[in-house]
Amino acid sequence: MDRLVEAQGWATEISVRTLLARWSSLVGSVNAAHSQPESYADSVLTVRAESTVWATSLRSIAPQLLARLNDQLGQGTVTGIKVLGPEGPSWKKGRLSVRDGRGPRDTYG
């Protein structure tokens, strides 16, 4: 199994996923209750927070989190942390929705 992981280049991905499974130990239980890692691609970790306040809180500790991740995974494994706030509602609903345009705002004058 170890040879397969090395041959496919999955070692870093598995190490990152294993470490992110312990998210609360990385960011603290309070921050972990209001955020979760969403993806890891091109050495950038994307984190989703449940509100803009929690996103701001995570952005403030991002440099320390980045250092901790690289200490445990090896320097350069994670080059950046992208913290996203909550997703807004989608105005694109149904098969008759307008794909291009301003959406509901174009009728307000």
C-alpha atoms as a PDB file:
ATOM      1  CA  MET A   1       0.000   0.000   0.000  1.00  0.00           C
ATOM      2  CA  ASP A   2       2.844   2.407   0.841  1.00  0.00           C
ATOM      3  CA  ARG A   3       4.370   1.860  -2.615  1.00  0.00           C
ATOM      4  CA  LEU A   4       1.040   2.620  -4.290  1.00  0.00           C
ATOM      5  CA  VAL A   5       0.640   5.831  -2.289  1.00  0.00           C
ATOM      6  CA  GLU A   6       4.174   6.948  -3.199  1.00  0.00           C
ATOM      7  CA  ALA A   7       3.837   5.925  -6.850  1.00  0.00           C
ATOM      8  CA  GLN A   8       0.604   7.871  -7.257  1.00  0.00           C
ATOM      9  CA  GLY A   9       1.924  10.922  -5.394  1.00  0.00           C
ATOM     10  CA  TRP A  10      -0.800  10.742  -2.772  1.00  0.00           C
ATOM     11  CA  ALA A  11       1.463  11.016   0.291  1.00  0.00           C
ATOM     12  CA  THR A  12       1.073  14.783   0.730  1.00  0.00           C
ATOM     13  CA  GLU A  13      -2.663  14.674   0.112  1.00  0.00           C
ATOM     14  CA  ILE A  14      -3.144  11.917   2.675  1.00  0.00           C
ATOM     15  CA  SER A  15      -0.978  13.725   5.228  1.00  0.00           C
ATOM     16  CA  VAL A  16      -2.958  16.957   4.788  1.00  0.00           C
ATOM     17  CA  ARG A  17      -6.315  15.169   5.053  1.00  0.00           C
ATOM     18  CA  THR A  18      -5.181  13.307   8.165  1.00  0.00           C
ATOM     19  CA  LEU A  19      -4.048  16.521   9.809  1.00  0.00           C
ATOM     20  CA  LEU A  20      -7.254  18.375   8.852  1.00  0.00           C
ATOM     21  CA  ALA A  21      -9.288  15.611  10.474  1.00  0.00           C
ATOM     22  CA  ARG A  22      -7.961  17.094  13.713  1.00  0.00           C
ATOM     23  CA  TRP A  23      -9.241  20.585  12.797  1.00  0.00           C
ATOM     24  CA  SER A  24     -10.287  21.488  16.340  1.00  0.00           C
ATOM     25  CA  SER A  25      -6.795  20.826  17.686  1.00  0.00           C
ATOM     26  CA  LEU A  26      -5.365  23.125  15.006  1.00  0.00           C
ATOM     27  CA  VAL A  27      -7.659  26.142  15.409  1.00  0.00           C
ATOM     28  CA  GLY A  28      -9.189  25.565  18.833  1.00  0.00           C
ATOM     29  CA  SER A  29     -12.574  24.161  19.694  1.00  0.00           C
ATOM     30  CA  VAL A  30     -14.394  27.508  19.483  1.00  0.00           C
ATOM     31  CA  ASN A  31     -13.117  28.340  15.975  1.00  0.00           C
ATOM     32  CA  ALA A  32     -13.655  24.742  14.864  1.00  0.00           C
ATOM     33  CA  ALA A  33     -17.291  24.877  15.951  1.00  0.00           C
ATOM     34  CA  HIS A  34     -17.857  27.738  13.488  1.00  0.00           C
ATOM     35  CA  SER A  35     -15.655  26.693  10.554  1.00  0.00           C
ATOM     36  CA  GLN A  36     -14.480  23.721   8.570  1.00  0.00           C
ATOM     37  CA  PRO A  37     -11.797  23.024   6.003  1.00  0.00           C
ATOM     38  CA  GLU A  38     -13.407  22.834   2.586  1.00  0.00           C
ATOM     39  CA  SER A  39     -10.626  21.890   0.182  1.00  0.00           C
ATOM     40  CA  TYR A  40      -6.903  21.596  -0.388  1.00  0.00           C
ATOM     41  CA  ALA A  41      -5.685  22.212  -3.934  1.00  0.00           C
ATOM     42  CA  ASP A  42      -2.494  23.642  -5.431  1.00  0.00           C
ATOM     43  CA  SER A  43      -1.037  23.884  -1.905  1.00  0.00           C
ATOM     44  CA  VAL A  44      -3.798  26.294  -0.797  1.00  0.00           C
ATOM     45  CA  LEU A  45      -6.151  25.352   2.029  1.00  0.00           C
ATOM     46  CA  THR A  46      -9.684  26.731   1.695  1.00  0.00           C
ATOM     47  CA  VAL A  47     -11.707  27.124   4.887  1.00  0.00           C
ATOM     48  CA  ARG A  48     -15.412  27.993   5.119  1.00  0.00           C
ATOM     49  CA  ALA A  49     -16.648  29.988   8.133  1.00  0.00           C
ATOM     50  CA  GLU A  50     -20.287  30.206   9.139  1.00  0.00           C
ATOM     51  CA  SER A  51     -20.302  34.010   9.347  1.00  0.00           C
ATOM     52  CA  THR A  52     -18.174  36.975   8.344  1.00  0.00           C
ATOM     53  CA  VAL A  53     -17.201  37.490  11.982  1.00  0.00           C
ATOM     54  CA  TRP A  54     -15.782  33.972  12.218  1.00  0.00           C
ATOM     55  CA  ALA A  55     -14.106  34.377   8.824  1.00  0.00           C
ATOM     56  CA  THR A  56     -12.385  37.517  10.126  1.00  0.00           C
ATOM     57  CA  SER A  57     -11.320  35.661  13.267  1.00  0.00           C
ATOM     58  CA  LEU A  58      -9.793  32.848  11.192  1.00  0.00           C
ATOM     59  CA  ARG A  59      -8.043  35.302   8.893  1.00  0.00           C
ATOM     60  CA  SER A  60      -6.383  36.846  11.938  1.00  0.00           C
ATOM     61  CA  ILE A  61      -4.902  33.498  12.992  1.00  0.00           C
ATOM     62  CA  ALA A  62      -4.103  32.330   9.445  1.00  0.00           C
ATOM     63  CA  PRO A  63      -0.338  33.073   9.678  1.00  0.00           C
ATOM     64  CA  GLN A  64      -0.024  30.990  12.855  1.00  0.00           C
ATOM     65  CA  LEU A  65      -2.147  28.218  11.347  1.00  0.00           C
ATOM     66  CA  LEU A  66      -0.026  28.232   8.191  1.00  0.00           C
ATOM     67  CA  ALA A  67       3.156  27.932  10.257  1.00  0.00           C
ATOM     68  CA  ARG A  68       1.702  25.082  12.321  1.00  0.00           C
ATOM     69  CA  LEU A  69       0.569  23.179   9.208  1.00  0.00           C
ATOM     70  CA  ASN A  70       3.968  23.538   7.566  1.00  0.00           C
ATOM     71  CA  ASP A  71       5.755  22.492  10.758  1.00  0.00           C
ATOM     72  CA  GLN A  72       3.773  19.268  10.829  1.00  0.00           C
ATOM     73  CA  LEU A  73       3.628  18.584   7.083  1.00  0.00           C
ATOM     74  CA  GLY A  74       6.899  20.040   5.839  1.00  0.00           C
ATOM     75  CA  GLN A  75       7.720  23.534   4.630  1.00  0.00           C
ATOM     76  CA  GLY A  76       5.900  24.550   1.463  1.00  0.00           C
ATOM     77  CA  THR A  77       3.134  21.963   1.759  1.00  0.00           C
ATOM     78  CA  VAL A  78       0.587  24.708   2.416  1.00  0.00           C
ATOM     79  CA  THR A  79       1.483  28.031   0.820  1.00  0.00           C
ATOM     80  CA  GLY A  80      -1.731  29.873   1.588  1.00  0.00           C
ATOM     81  CA  ILE A  81      -4.989  29.786   3.491  1.00  0.00           C
ATOM     82  CA  LYS A  82      -8.119  31.157   1.868  1.00  0.00           C
ATOM     83  CA  VAL A  83     -10.897  31.884   4.361  1.00  0.00           C
ATOM     84  CA  LEU A  84     -14.395  32.213   2.920  1.00  0.00           C
ATOM     85  CA  GLY A  85     -17.497  33.514   4.634  1.00  0.00           C
ATOM     86  CA  PRO A  86     -20.941  32.009   4.276  1.00  0.00           C
ATOM     87  CA  GLU A  87     -22.396  31.557   0.833  1.00  0.00           C
ATOM     88  CA  GLY A  88     -25.137  33.995  -0.097  1.00  0.00           C
ATOM     89  CA  PRO A  89     -28.472  32.956  -1.505  1.00  0.00           C
ATOM     90  CA  SER A  90     -28.596  32.053  -5.157  1.00  0.00           C
ATOM     91  CA  TRP A  91     -30.947  34.000  -7.397  1.00  0.00           C
ATOM     92  CA  LYS A  92     -30.626  31.441 -10.164  1.00  0.00           C
ATOM     93  CA  LYS A  93     -33.590  29.187  -9.616  1.00  0.00           C
ATOM     94  CA  GLY A  94     -35.463  27.072 -12.090  1.00  0.00           C
ATOM     95  CA  ARG A  95     -34.952  26.282 -15.736  1.00  0.00           C
ATOM     96  CA  LEU A  96     -36.264  29.662 -16.891  1.00  0.00           C
ATOM     97  CA  SER A  97     -33.780  31.768 -14.909  1.00  0.00           C
ATOM     98  CA  VAL A  98     -31.766  34.370 -16.785  1.00  0.00           C
ATOM     99  CA  ARG A  99     -28.144  33.224 -17.072  1.00  0.00           C
ATOM    100  CA  ASP A 100     -26.635  36.613 -17.884  1.00  0.00           C
ATOM    101  CA  GLY A 101     -27.753  39.884 -16.477  1.00  0.00           C
ATOM    102  CA  ARG A 102     -28.069  41.586 -13.174  1.00  0.00           C
ATOM    103  CA  GLY A 103     -30.760  39.333 -11.739  1.00  0.00           C
ATOM    104  CA  PRO A 104     -33.443  40.821  -9.513  1.00  0.00           C
ATOM    105  CA  ARG A 105     -31.748  44.233  -9.250  1.00  0.00           C
ATOM    106  CA  ASP A 106     -32.416  45.164 -12.891  1.00  0.00           C
ATOM    107  CA  THR A 107     -36.082  45.948 -12.174  1.00  0.00           C
ATOM    108  CA  TYR A 108     -35.438  48.469  -9.402  1.00  0.00           C
ATOM    109  CA  GLY A 109     -34.778  51.459 -11.605  1.00  0.00           C
END
